[in-house]
Amino acid sequence: MKSPPLSAPAWLYRKPSWLQRLALGLVSILALVATFAVASVVFAALLVIGLAAGGWLWWQYRKLARRARDARPAVLEGEYEIEPGPPALEDRTVSSRPTVDSAPPHPRVP
């Protein structure tokens, strides 16, 4: 059994008049203009807030750096001791002519 088709209001099927289309166009344009205006105001406000916050942080950083510079001592006092570092690498290449100061190379143990 088939259900009968639902009847819709007649105004859904009518073609809109030129006055309705003009009103819809004007309302659409006004909505777009209002959207762009609100977006630009919000963007400008966020930009000003961001610049103010960045300036405040920069100012605080300058103040902190100046206090750290003023607090450091002019001369470091104390004792120090030079500790030996790791041994330096030596050149152990075998030359073809033995020198007077050099000992013969040791044979490698297999």
PDB file of N, CA and C in Angstrom:
ATOM      1  N   MET A   1       0.838  -1.167   0.000  1.00  0.00           N
ATOM      2  CA  MET A   1       0.000   0.000   0.000  1.00  0.00           C
ATOM      3  C   MET A   1       0.884   1.231   0.000  1.00  0.00           C
ATOM      4  N   LYS A   2       0.587   2.149  -0.899  1.00  0.00           N
ATOM      5  CA  LYS A   2       1.348   3.376  -1.025  1.00  0.00           C
ATOM      6  C   LYS A   2       0.694   4.474  -0.206  1.00  0.00           C
ATOM      7  N   SER A   3       1.577   5.284   0.436  1.00  0.00           N
ATOM      8  CA  SER A   3       1.013   6.420   1.172  1.00  0.00           C
ATOM      9  C   SER A   3       0.803   7.573   0.203  1.00  0.00           C
ATOM     10  N   PRO A   4      -0.214   8.369   0.421  1.00  0.00           N
ATOM     11  CA  PRO A   4      -0.471   9.482  -0.492  1.00  0.00           C
ATOM     12  C   PRO A   4       0.637  10.533  -0.334  1.00  0.00           C
ATOM     13  N   PRO A   5       0.946  11.249  -1.407  1.00  0.00           N
ATOM     14  CA  PRO A   5       1.992  12.285  -1.316  1.00  0.00           C
ATOM     15  C   PRO A   5       1.572  13.384  -0.355  1.00  0.00           C
ATOM     16  N   LEU A   6       2.580  13.870   0.368  1.00  0.00           N
ATOM     17  CA  LEU A   6       2.303  14.949   1.329  1.00  0.00           C
ATOM     18  C   LEU A   6       2.118  16.253   0.575  1.00  0.00           C
ATOM     19  N   SER A   7       1.146  16.989   0.959  1.00  0.00           N
ATOM     20  CA  SER A   7       0.925  18.273   0.299  1.00  0.00           C
ATOM     21  C   SER A   7       1.771  19.335   1.006  1.00  0.00           C
ATOM     22  N   ALA A   8       2.447  20.153   0.223  1.00  0.00           N
ATOM     23  CA  ALA A   8       3.272  21.235   0.756  1.00  0.00           C
ATOM     24  C   ALA A   8       2.515  22.544   0.580  1.00  0.00           C
ATOM     25  N   PRO A   9       2.875  23.526   1.369  1.00  0.00           N
ATOM     26  CA  PRO A   9       2.219  24.823   1.196  1.00  0.00           C
ATOM     27  C   PRO A   9       2.478  25.372  -0.203  1.00  0.00           C
ATOM     28  N   ALA A  10       1.553  26.101  -0.690  1.00  0.00           N
ATOM     29  CA  ALA A  10       1.632  26.622  -2.060  1.00  0.00           C
ATOM     30  C   ALA A  10       2.754  27.636  -2.216  1.00  0.00           C
ATOM     31  N   TRP A  11       3.099  28.355  -1.152  1.00  0.00           N
ATOM     32  CA  TRP A  11       4.120  29.396  -1.285  1.00  0.00           C
ATOM     33  C   TRP A  11       5.522  28.808  -1.517  1.00  0.00           C
ATOM     34  N   LEU A  12       5.719  27.499  -1.254  1.00  0.00           N
ATOM     35  CA  LEU A  12       7.018  26.891  -1.517  1.00  0.00           C
ATOM     36  C   LEU A  12       7.274  26.730  -3.005  1.00  0.00           C
ATOM     37  N   TYR A  13       6.234  26.629  -3.792  1.00  0.00           N
ATOM     38  CA  TYR A  13       6.386  26.365  -5.212  1.00  0.00           C
ATOM     39  C   TYR A  13       6.311  27.620  -6.077  1.00  0.00           C
ATOM     40  N   ARG A  14       5.969  28.755  -5.459  1.00  0.00           N
ATOM     41  CA  ARG A  14       5.859  29.980  -6.256  1.00  0.00           C
ATOM     42  C   ARG A  14       7.237  30.571  -6.528  1.00  0.00           C
ATOM     43  N   LYS A  15       7.396  31.154  -7.690  1.00  0.00           N
ATOM     44  CA  LYS A  15       8.632  31.844  -8.036  1.00  0.00           C
ATOM     45  C   LYS A  15       8.652  33.167  -7.268  1.00  0.00           C
ATOM     46  N   PRO A  16       9.808  33.505  -6.615  1.00  0.00           N
ATOM     47  CA  PRO A  16       9.831  34.765  -5.863  1.00  0.00           C
ATOM     48  C   PRO A  16       9.735  35.968  -6.797  1.00  0.00           C
ATOM     49  N   SER A  17       9.084  37.002  -6.312  1.00  0.00           N
ATOM     50  CA  SER A  17       8.916  38.210  -7.117  1.00  0.00           C
ATOM     51  C   SER A  17      10.236  38.988  -7.133  1.00  0.00           C
ATOM     52  N   TRP A  18      10.299  39.986  -8.007  1.00  0.00           N
ATOM     53  CA  TRP A  18      11.521  40.778  -8.115  1.00  0.00           C
ATOM     54  C   TRP A  18      11.785  41.551  -6.831  1.00  0.00           C
ATOM     55  N   LEU A  19      10.727  41.932  -6.123  1.00  0.00           N
ATOM     56  CA  LEU A  19      10.895  42.657  -4.875  1.00  0.00           C
ATOM     57  C   LEU A  19      11.517  41.752  -3.800  1.00  0.00           C
ATOM     58  N   GLN A  20      11.087  40.496  -3.779  1.00  0.00           N
ATOM     59  CA  GLN A  20      11.664  39.553  -2.809  1.00  0.00           C
ATOM     60  C   GLN A  20      13.136  39.270  -3.148  1.00  0.00           C
ATOM     61  N   ARG A  21      13.435  39.135  -4.424  1.00  0.00           N
ATOM     62  CA  ARG A  21      14.817  38.885  -4.822  1.00  0.00           C
ATOM     63  C   ARG A  21      15.701  40.087  -4.510  1.00  0.00           C
ATOM     64  N   LEU A  22      15.187  41.290  -4.741  1.00  0.00           N
ATOM     65  CA  LEU A  22      15.947  42.500  -4.428  1.00  0.00           C
ATOM     66  C   LEU A  22      16.191  42.603  -2.932  1.00  0.00           C
ATOM     67  N   ALA A  23      15.167  42.332  -2.128  1.00  0.00           N
ATOM     68  CA  ALA A  23      15.314  42.384  -0.663  1.00  0.00           C
ATOM     69  C   ALA A  23      16.327  41.332  -0.193  1.00  0.00           C
ATOM     70  N   LEU A  24      16.266  40.124  -0.764  1.00  0.00           N
ATOM     71  CA  LEU A  24      17.216  39.077  -0.386  1.00  0.00           C
ATOM     72  C   LEU A  24      18.640  39.472  -0.759  1.00  0.00           C
ATOM     73  N   GLY A  25      18.818  40.083  -1.920  1.00  0.00           N
ATOM     74  CA  GLY A  25      20.148  40.539  -2.345  1.00  0.00           C
ATOM     75  C   GLY A  25      20.690  41.617  -1.424  1.00  0.00           C
ATOM     76  N   LEU A  26      19.830  42.599  -1.072  1.00  0.00           N
ATOM     77  CA  LEU A  26      20.273  43.672  -0.184  1.00  0.00           C
ATOM     78  C   LEU A  26      20.620  43.147   1.212  1.00  0.00           C
ATOM     79  N   VAL A  27      19.807  42.250   1.720  1.00  0.00           N
ATOM     80  CA  VAL A  27      20.077  41.680   3.037  1.00  0.00           C
ATOM     81  C   VAL A  27      21.369  40.867   3.013  1.00  0.00           C
ATOM     82  N   SER A  28      21.598  40.144   1.923  1.00  0.00           N
ATOM     83  CA  SER A  28      22.826  39.365   1.811  1.00  0.00           C
ATOM     84  C   SER A  28      24.059  40.266   1.765  1.00  0.00           C
ATOM     85  N   ILE A  29      23.978  41.341   1.001  1.00  0.00           N
ATOM     86  CA  ILE A  29      25.103  42.281   0.911  1.00  0.00           C
ATOM     87  C   ILE A  29      25.349  42.944   2.258  1.00  0.00           C
ATOM     88  N   LEU A  30      24.275  43.359   2.935  1.00  0.00           N
ATOM     89  CA  LEU A  30      24.443  43.974   4.258  1.00  0.00           C
ATOM     90  C   LEU A  30      25.039  42.993   5.264  1.00  0.00           C
ATOM     91  N   ALA A  31      24.658  41.732   5.176  1.00  0.00           N
ATOM     92  CA  ALA A  31      25.224  40.727   6.083  1.00  0.00           C
ATOM     93  C   ALA A  31      26.717  40.548   5.821  1.00  0.00           C
ATOM     94  N   LEU A  32      27.117  40.518   4.549  1.00  0.00           N
ATOM     95  CA  LEU A  32      28.539  40.401   4.220  1.00  0.00           C
ATOM     96  C   LEU A  32      29.332  41.606   4.703  1.00  0.00           C
ATOM     97  N   VAL A  33      28.801  42.805   4.476  1.00  0.00           N
ATOM     98  CA  VAL A  33      29.488  44.023   4.917  1.00  0.00           C
ATOM     99  C   VAL A  33      29.613  44.037   6.437  1.00  0.00           C
ATOM    100  N   ALA A  34      28.552  43.672   7.130  1.00  0.00           N
ATOM    101  CA  ALA A  34      28.603  43.635   8.593  1.00  0.00           C
ATOM    102  C   ALA A  34      29.607  42.589   9.077  1.00  0.00           C
ATOM    103  N   THR A  35      29.665  41.450   8.406  1.00  0.00           N
ATOM    104  CA  THR A  35      30.623  40.411   8.787  1.00  0.00           C
ATOM    105  C   THR A  35      32.052  40.892   8.620  1.00  0.00           C
ATOM    106  N   PHE A  36      32.353  41.519   7.487  1.00  0.00           N
ATOM    107  CA  PHE A  36      33.702  42.033   7.275  1.00  0.00           C
ATOM    108  C   PHE A  36      34.037  43.157   8.256  1.00  0.00           C
ATOM    109  N   ALA A  37      33.072  43.997   8.579  1.00  0.00           N
ATOM    110  CA  ALA A  37      33.319  45.080   9.534  1.00  0.00           C
ATOM    111  C   ALA A  37      33.628  44.516  10.920  1.00  0.00           C
ATOM    112  N   VAL A  38      32.846  43.569  11.357  1.00  0.00           N
ATOM    113  CA  VAL A  38      33.090  42.960  12.677  1.00  0.00           C
ATOM    114  C   VAL A  38      34.423  42.230  12.685  1.00  0.00           C
ATOM    115  N   ALA A  39      34.738  41.507  11.612  1.00  0.00           N
ATOM    116  CA  ALA A  39      36.000  40.777  11.541  1.00  0.00           C
ATOM    117  C   ALA A  39      37.191  41.723  11.576  1.00  0.00           C
ATOM    118  N   SER A  40      37.090  42.854  10.875  1.00  0.00           N
ATOM    119  CA  SER A  40      38.210  43.798  10.876  1.00  0.00           C
ATOM    120  C   SER A  40      38.371  44.458  12.242  1.00  0.00           C
ATOM    121  N   VAL A  41      37.283  44.741  12.936  1.00  0.00           N
ATOM    122  CA  VAL A  41      37.386  45.312  14.280  1.00  0.00           C
ATOM    123  C   VAL A  41      38.004  44.299  15.237  1.00  0.00           C
ATOM    124  N   VAL A  42      37.590  43.049  15.159  1.00  0.00           N
ATOM    125  CA  VAL A  42      38.162  42.010  16.024  1.00  0.00           C
ATOM    126  C   VAL A  42      39.646  41.834  15.714  1.00  0.00           C
ATOM    127  N   PHE A  43      40.019  41.810  14.419  1.00  0.00           N
ATOM    128  CA  PHE A  43      41.418  41.684  14.047  1.00  0.00           C
ATOM    129  C   PHE A  43      42.239  42.850  14.573  1.00  0.00           C
ATOM    130  N   ALA A  44      41.734  44.067  14.437  1.00  0.00           N
ATOM    131  CA  ALA A  44      42.462  45.236  14.922  1.00  0.00           C
ATOM    132  C   ALA A  44      42.619  45.178  16.441  1.00  0.00           C
ATOM    133  N   ALA A  45      41.571  44.766  17.144  1.00  0.00           N
ATOM    134  CA  ALA A  45      41.650  44.672  18.606  1.00  0.00           C
ATOM    135  C   ALA A  45      42.670  43.617  19.028  1.00  0.00           C
ATOM    136  N   LEU A  46      42.661  42.456  18.364  1.00  0.00           N
ATOM    137  CA  LEU A  46      43.641  41.413  18.692  1.00  0.00           C
ATOM    138  C   LEU A  46      45.055  41.857  18.368  1.00  0.00           C
ATOM    139  N   LEU A  47      45.221  42.605  17.291  1.00  0.00           N
ATOM    140  CA  LEU A  47      46.540  43.119  16.933  1.00  0.00           C
ATOM    141  C   LEU A  47      47.050  44.092  17.989  1.00  0.00           C
ATOM    142  N   VAL A  48      46.207  44.993  18.443  1.00  0.00           N
ATOM    143  CA  VAL A  48      46.611  45.961  19.467  1.00  0.00           C
ATOM    144  C   VAL A  48      46.921  45.241  20.776  1.00  0.00           C
ATOM    145  N   ILE A  49      46.096  44.280  21.159  1.00  0.00           N
ATOM    146  CA  ILE A  49      46.349  43.525  22.393  1.00  0.00           C
ATOM    147  C   ILE A  49      47.657  42.743  22.286  1.00  0.00           C
ATOM    148  N   GLY A  50      47.909  42.119  21.135  1.00  0.00           N
ATOM    149  CA  GLY A  50      49.143  41.366  20.935  1.00  0.00           C
ATOM    150  C   GLY A  50      50.371  42.262  20.977  1.00  0.00           C
ATOM    151  N   LEU A  51      50.289  43.444  20.342  1.00  0.00           N
ATOM    152  CA  LEU A  51      51.422  44.374  20.386  1.00  0.00           C
ATOM    153  C   LEU A  51      51.661  44.885  21.799  1.00  0.00           C
ATOM    154  N   ALA A  52      50.602  45.158  22.532  1.00  0.00           N
ATOM    155  CA  ALA A  52      50.760  45.624  23.908  1.00  0.00           C
ATOM    156  C   ALA A  52      51.383  44.535  24.780  1.00  0.00           C
ATOM    157  N   ALA A  53      50.932  43.305  24.636  1.00  0.00           N
ATOM    158  CA  ALA A  53      51.497  42.203  25.415  1.00  0.00           C
ATOM    159  C   ALA A  53      52.955  41.962  25.039  1.00  0.00           C
ATOM    160  N   GLY A  54      53.269  42.013  23.753  1.00  0.00           N
ATOM    161  CA  GLY A  54      54.659  41.850  23.316  1.00  0.00           C
ATOM    162  C   GLY A  54      55.552  42.967  23.826  1.00  0.00           C
ATOM    163  N   GLY A  55      55.065  44.188  23.806  1.00  0.00           N
ATOM    164  CA  GLY A  55      55.836  45.311  24.341  1.00  0.00           C
ATOM    165  C   GLY A  55      56.073  45.172  25.837  1.00  0.00           C
ATOM    166  N   TRP A  56      55.047  44.727  26.554  1.00  0.00           N
ATOM    167  CA  TRP A  56      55.204  44.545  28.001  1.00  0.00           C
ATOM    168  C   TRP A  56      56.227  43.453  28.300  1.00  0.00           C
ATOM    169  N   LEU A  57      56.153  42.337  27.572  1.00  0.00           N
ATOM    170  CA  LEU A  57      57.141  41.267  27.777  1.00  0.00           C
ATOM    171  C   LEU A  57      58.552  41.725  27.432  1.00  0.00           C
ATOM    172  N   TRP A  58      58.698  42.478  26.363  1.00  0.00           N
ATOM    173  CA  TRP A  58      60.013  42.996  25.978  1.00  0.00           C
ATOM    174  C   TRP A  58      60.553  43.928  27.058  1.00  0.00           C
ATOM    175  N   TRP A  59      59.691  44.783  27.588  1.00  0.00           N
ATOM    176  CA  TRP A  59      60.098  45.710  28.642  1.00  0.00           C
ATOM    177  C   TRP A  59      60.528  44.943  29.896  1.00  0.00           C
ATOM    178  N   GLN A  60      59.781  43.915  30.283  1.00  0.00           N
ATOM    179  CA  GLN A  60      60.148  43.119  31.454  1.00  0.00           C
ATOM    180  C   GLN A  60      61.465  42.386  31.221  1.00  0.00           C
ATOM    181  N   TYR A  61      61.687  41.890  30.015  1.00  0.00           N
ATOM    182  CA  TYR A  61      62.943  41.213  29.697  1.00  0.00           C
ATOM    183  C   TYR A  61      64.119  42.181  29.801  1.00  0.00           C
ATOM    184  N   ARG A  62      63.942  43.396  29.303  1.00  0.00           N
ATOM    185  CA  ARG A  62      65.008  44.410  29.413  1.00  0.00           C
ATOM    186  C   ARG A  62      65.318  44.707  30.866  1.00  0.00           C
ATOM    187  N   LYS A  63      64.275  44.860  31.693  1.00  0.00           N
ATOM    188  CA  LYS A  63      64.471  45.158  33.106  1.00  0.00           C
ATOM    189  C   LYS A  63      65.199  44.010  33.796  1.00  0.00           C
ATOM    190  N   LEU A  64      64.817  42.781  33.501  1.00  0.00           N
ATOM    191  CA  LEU A  64      65.455  41.608  34.095  1.00  0.00           C
ATOM    192  C   LEU A  64      66.903  41.486  33.647  1.00  0.00           C
ATOM    193  N   ALA A  65      67.186  41.744  32.377  1.00  0.00           N
ATOM    194  CA  ALA A  65      68.557  41.676  31.877  1.00  0.00           C
ATOM    195  C   ALA A  65      69.420  42.756  32.522  1.00  0.00           C
ATOM    196  N   ARG A  66      68.871  43.936  32.716  1.00  0.00           N
ATOM    197  CA  ARG A  66      69.632  45.012  33.364  1.00  0.00           C
ATOM    198  C   ARG A  66      69.937  44.649  34.818  1.00  0.00           C
ATOM    199  N   ARG A  67      68.953  44.073  35.517  1.00  0.00           N
ATOM    200  CA  ARG A  67      69.206  43.669  36.914  1.00  0.00           C
ATOM    201  C   ARG A  67      70.244  42.563  36.991  1.00  0.00           C
ATOM    202  N   ALA A  68      70.219  41.629  36.060  1.00  0.00           N
ATOM    203  CA  ALA A  68      71.217  40.554  36.047  1.00  0.00           C
ATOM    204  C   ALA A  68      72.597  41.110  35.727  1.00  0.00           C
ATOM    205  N   ARG A  69      72.682  42.087  34.827  1.00  0.00           N
ATOM    206  CA  ARG A  69      73.965  42.685  34.477  1.00  0.00           C
ATOM    207  C   ARG A  69      74.534  43.472  35.658  1.00  0.00           C
ATOM    208  N   ASP A  70      73.668  44.176  36.381  1.00  0.00           N
ATOM    209  CA  ASP A  70      74.136  44.948  37.533  1.00  0.00           C
ATOM    210  C   ASP A  70      74.523  44.051  38.700  1.00  0.00           C
ATOM    211  N   ALA A  71      73.956  42.852  38.797  1.00  0.00           N
ATOM    212  CA  ALA A  71      74.222  41.973  39.930  1.00  0.00           C
ATOM    213  C   ALA A  71      75.495  41.148  39.745  1.00  0.00           C
ATOM    214  N   ARG A  72      76.009  41.041  38.544  1.00  0.00           N
ATOM    215  CA  ARG A  72      77.192  40.203  38.358  1.00  0.00           C
ATOM    216  C   ARG A  72      78.423  40.924  38.892  1.00  0.00           C
ATOM    217  N   PRO A  73      79.372  40.174  39.449  1.00  0.00           N
ATOM    218  CA  PRO A  73      80.569  40.813  40.001  1.00  0.00           C
ATOM    219  C   PRO A  73      81.495  41.287  38.882  1.00  0.00           C
ATOM    220  N   ALA A  74      82.264  42.342  39.183  1.00  0.00           N
ATOM    221  CA  ALA A  74      83.185  42.884  38.196  1.00  0.00           C
ATOM    222  C   ALA A  74      84.425  42.007  38.066  1.00  0.00           C
ATOM    223  N   VAL A  75      84.862  41.423  39.187  1.00  0.00           N
ATOM    224  CA  VAL A  75      86.060  40.598  39.187  1.00  0.00           C
ATOM    225  C   VAL A  75      85.719  39.253  39.812  1.00  0.00           C
ATOM    226  N   LEU A  76      86.157  38.194  39.187  1.00  0.00           N
ATOM    227  CA  LEU A  76      85.974  36.867  39.753  1.00  0.00           C
ATOM    228  C   LEU A  76      87.158  36.566  40.662  1.00  0.00           C
ATOM    229  N   GLU A  77      86.896  36.273  41.902  1.00  0.00           N
ATOM    230  CA  GLU A  77      87.968  35.957  42.836  1.00  0.00           C
ATOM    231  C   GLU A  77      87.921  34.484  43.167  1.00  0.00           C
ATOM    232  N   GLY A  78      89.090  33.917  43.428  1.00  0.00           N
ATOM    233  CA  GLY A  78      89.155  32.522  43.813  1.00  0.00           C
ATOM    234  C   GLY A  78      90.454  31.896  43.344  1.00  0.00           C
ATOM    235  N   GLU A  79      90.621  30.657  43.707  1.00  0.00           N
ATOM    236  CA  GLU A  79      91.813  29.922  43.310  1.00  0.00           C
ATOM    237  C   GLU A  79      91.437  28.945  42.216  1.00  0.00           C
ATOM    238  N   TYR A  80      92.426  28.635  41.419  1.00  0.00           N
ATOM    239  CA  TYR A  80      92.176  27.657  40.386  1.00  0.00           C
ATOM    240  C   TYR A  80      93.392  26.764  40.241  1.00  0.00           C
ATOM    241  N   GLU A  81      93.173  25.637  39.661  1.00  0.00           N
ATOM    242  CA  GLU A  81      94.236  24.670  39.464  1.00  0.00           C
ATOM    243  C   GLU A  81      94.079  24.103  38.058  1.00  0.00           C
ATOM    244  N   ILE A  82      95.191  24.056  37.361  1.00  0.00           N
ATOM    245  CA  ILE A  82      95.145  23.529  36.002  1.00  0.00           C
ATOM    246  C   ILE A  82      95.261  22.018  36.079  1.00  0.00           C
ATOM    247  N   GLU A  83      94.279  21.334  35.592  1.00  0.00           N
ATOM    248  CA  GLU A  83      94.287  19.872  35.606  1.00  0.00           C
ATOM    249  C   GLU A  83      94.771  19.373  34.257  1.00  0.00           C
ATOM    250  N   PRO A  84      95.535  18.287  34.278  1.00  0.00           N
ATOM    251  CA  PRO A  84      96.020  17.778  32.991  1.00  0.00           C
ATOM    252  C   PRO A  84      94.858  17.213  32.176  1.00  0.00           C
ATOM    253  N   GLY A  85      94.919  17.455  30.905  1.00  0.00           N
ATOM    254  CA  GLY A  85      93.880  16.968  30.017  1.00  0.00           C
ATOM    255  C   GLY A  85      94.221  15.580  29.519  1.00  0.00           C
ATOM    256  N   PRO A  86      93.434  15.091  28.589  1.00  0.00           N
ATOM    257  CA  PRO A  86      93.755  13.776  28.028  1.00  0.00           C
ATOM    258  C   PRO A  86      95.064  13.849  27.242  1.00  0.00           C
ATOM    259  N   PRO A  87      95.798  12.747  27.144  1.00  0.00           N
ATOM    260  CA  PRO A  87      97.080  12.792  26.427  1.00  0.00           C
ATOM    261  C   PRO A  87      96.861  13.131  24.955  1.00  0.00           C
ATOM    262  N   ALA A  88      97.808  13.880  24.438  1.00  0.00           N
ATOM    263  CA  ALA A  88      97.713  14.299  23.044  1.00  0.00           C
ATOM    264  C   ALA A  88      98.003  13.115  22.129  1.00  0.00           C
ATOM    265  N   LEU A  89      97.424  13.119  20.963  1.00  0.00           N
ATOM    266  CA  LEU A  89      97.691  12.080  19.982  1.00  0.00           C
ATOM    267  C   LEU A  89      99.087  12.281  19.416  1.00  0.00           C
ATOM    268  N   GLU A  90      99.771  11.206  19.210  1.00  0.00           N
ATOM    269  CA  GLU A  90     101.127  11.283  18.675  1.00  0.00           C
ATOM    270  C   GLU A  90     101.147  10.737  17.261  1.00  0.00           C
ATOM    271  N   ASP A  91     102.091  11.238  16.504  1.00  0.00           N
ATOM    272  CA  ASP A  91     102.267  10.742  15.150  1.00  0.00           C
ATOM    273  C   ASP A  91     103.146   9.504  15.215  1.00  0.00           C
ATOM    274  N   ARG A  92     102.590   8.342  14.931  1.00  0.00           N
ATOM    275  CA  ARG A  92     103.338   7.092  15.032  1.00  0.00           C
ATOM    276  C   ARG A  92     103.523   6.440  13.663  1.00  0.00           C
ATOM    277  N   THR A  93     103.742   7.228  12.665  1.00  0.00           N
ATOM    278  CA  THR A  93     103.981   6.661  11.343  1.00  0.00           C
ATOM    279  C   THR A  93     105.413   6.152  11.266  1.00  0.00           C
ATOM    280  N   VAL A  94     105.620   5.077  10.570  1.00  0.00           N
ATOM    281  CA  VAL A  94     106.958   4.497  10.426  1.00  0.00           C
ATOM    282  C   VAL A  94     107.588   5.111   9.192  1.00  0.00           C
ATOM    283  N   SER A  95     108.734   5.734   9.401  1.00  0.00           N
ATOM    284  CA  SER A  95     109.424   6.338   8.263  1.00  0.00           C
ATOM    285  C   SER A  95     110.378   5.311   7.663  1.00  0.00           C
ATOM    286  N   SER A  96     110.768   5.533   6.437  1.00  0.00           N
ATOM    287  CA  SER A  96     111.651   4.584   5.776  1.00  0.00           C
ATOM    288  C   SER A  96     113.078   4.687   6.305  1.00  0.00           C
ATOM    289  N   ARG A  97     113.493   5.862   6.753  1.00  0.00           N
ATOM    290  CA  ARG A  97     114.839   6.037   7.300  1.00  0.00           C
ATOM    291  C   ARG A  97     114.738   6.173   8.813  1.00  0.00           C
ATOM    292  N   PRO A  98     115.357   5.301   9.548  1.00  0.00           N
ATOM    293  CA  PRO A  98     115.338   5.470  10.996  1.00  0.00           C
ATOM    294  C   PRO A  98     116.217   6.643  11.395  1.00  0.00           C
ATOM    295  N   THR A  99     115.750   7.377  12.368  1.00  0.00           N
ATOM    296  CA  THR A  99     116.532   8.498  12.877  1.00  0.00           C
ATOM    297  C   THR A  99     117.327   8.024  14.070  1.00  0.00           C
ATOM    298  N   VAL A 100     118.243   8.837  14.487  1.00  0.00           N
ATOM    299  CA  VAL A 100     119.114   8.471  15.597  1.00  0.00           C
ATOM    300  C   VAL A 100     118.313   8.368  16.886  1.00  0.00           C
ATOM    301  N   ASP A 101     117.354   9.253  17.085  1.00  0.00           N
ATOM    302  CA  ASP A 101     116.619   9.298  18.344  1.00  0.00           C
ATOM    303  C   ASP A 101     115.507   8.265  18.415  1.00  0.00           C
ATOM    304  N   SER A 102     115.096   7.735  17.292  1.00  0.00           N
ATOM    305  CA  SER A 102     113.941   6.849  17.323  1.00  0.00           C
ATOM    306  C   SER A 102     114.379   5.409  17.545  1.00  0.00           C
ATOM    307  N   ALA A 103     113.545   4.685  18.255  1.00  0.00           N
ATOM    308  CA  ALA A 103     113.816   3.274  18.507  1.00  0.00           C
ATOM    309  C   ALA A 103     113.193   2.465  17.390  1.00  0.00           C
ATOM    310  N   PRO A 104     113.693   1.231  17.158  1.00  0.00           N
ATOM    311  CA  PRO A 104     113.093   0.413  16.108  1.00  0.00           C
ATOM    312  C   PRO A 104     111.659   0.065  16.498  1.00  0.00           C
ATOM    313  N   PRO A 105     110.781  -0.067  15.512  1.00  0.00           N
ATOM    314  CA  PRO A 105     109.392  -0.385  15.846  1.00  0.00           C
ATOM    315  C   PRO A 105     109.271  -1.782  16.425  1.00  0.00           C
ATOM    316  N   HIS A 106     108.309  -1.926  17.318  1.00  0.00           N
ATOM    317  CA  HIS A 106     108.084  -3.209  17.939  1.00  0.00           C
ATOM    318  C   HIS A 106     107.275  -4.096  17.000  1.00  0.00           C
ATOM    319  N   PRO A 107     107.655  -5.381  16.950  1.00  0.00           N
ATOM    320  CA  PRO A 107     106.845  -6.241  16.081  1.00  0.00           C
ATOM    321  C   PRO A 107     105.480  -6.499  16.712  1.00  0.00           C
ATOM    322  N   ARG A 108     104.499  -6.625  15.870  1.00  0.00           N
ATOM    323  CA  ARG A 108     103.141  -6.866  16.380  1.00  0.00           C
ATOM    324  C   ARG A 108     102.999  -8.318  16.821  1.00  0.00           C
ATOM    325  N   VAL A 109     102.271  -8.473  17.893  1.00  0.00           N
ATOM    326  CA  VAL A 109     102.035  -9.811  18.398  1.00  0.00           C
ATOM    327  C   VAL A 109     100.795 -10.347  17.692  1.00  0.00           C
ATOM    328  N   PRO A 110     100.902 -11.557  17.051  1.00  0.00           N
ATOM    329  CA  PRO A 110      99.726 -12.055  16.344  1.00  0.00           C
ATOM    330  C   PRO A 110      98.639 -12.520  17.262  1.00  0.00           C
TER     331      PRO A 110
END
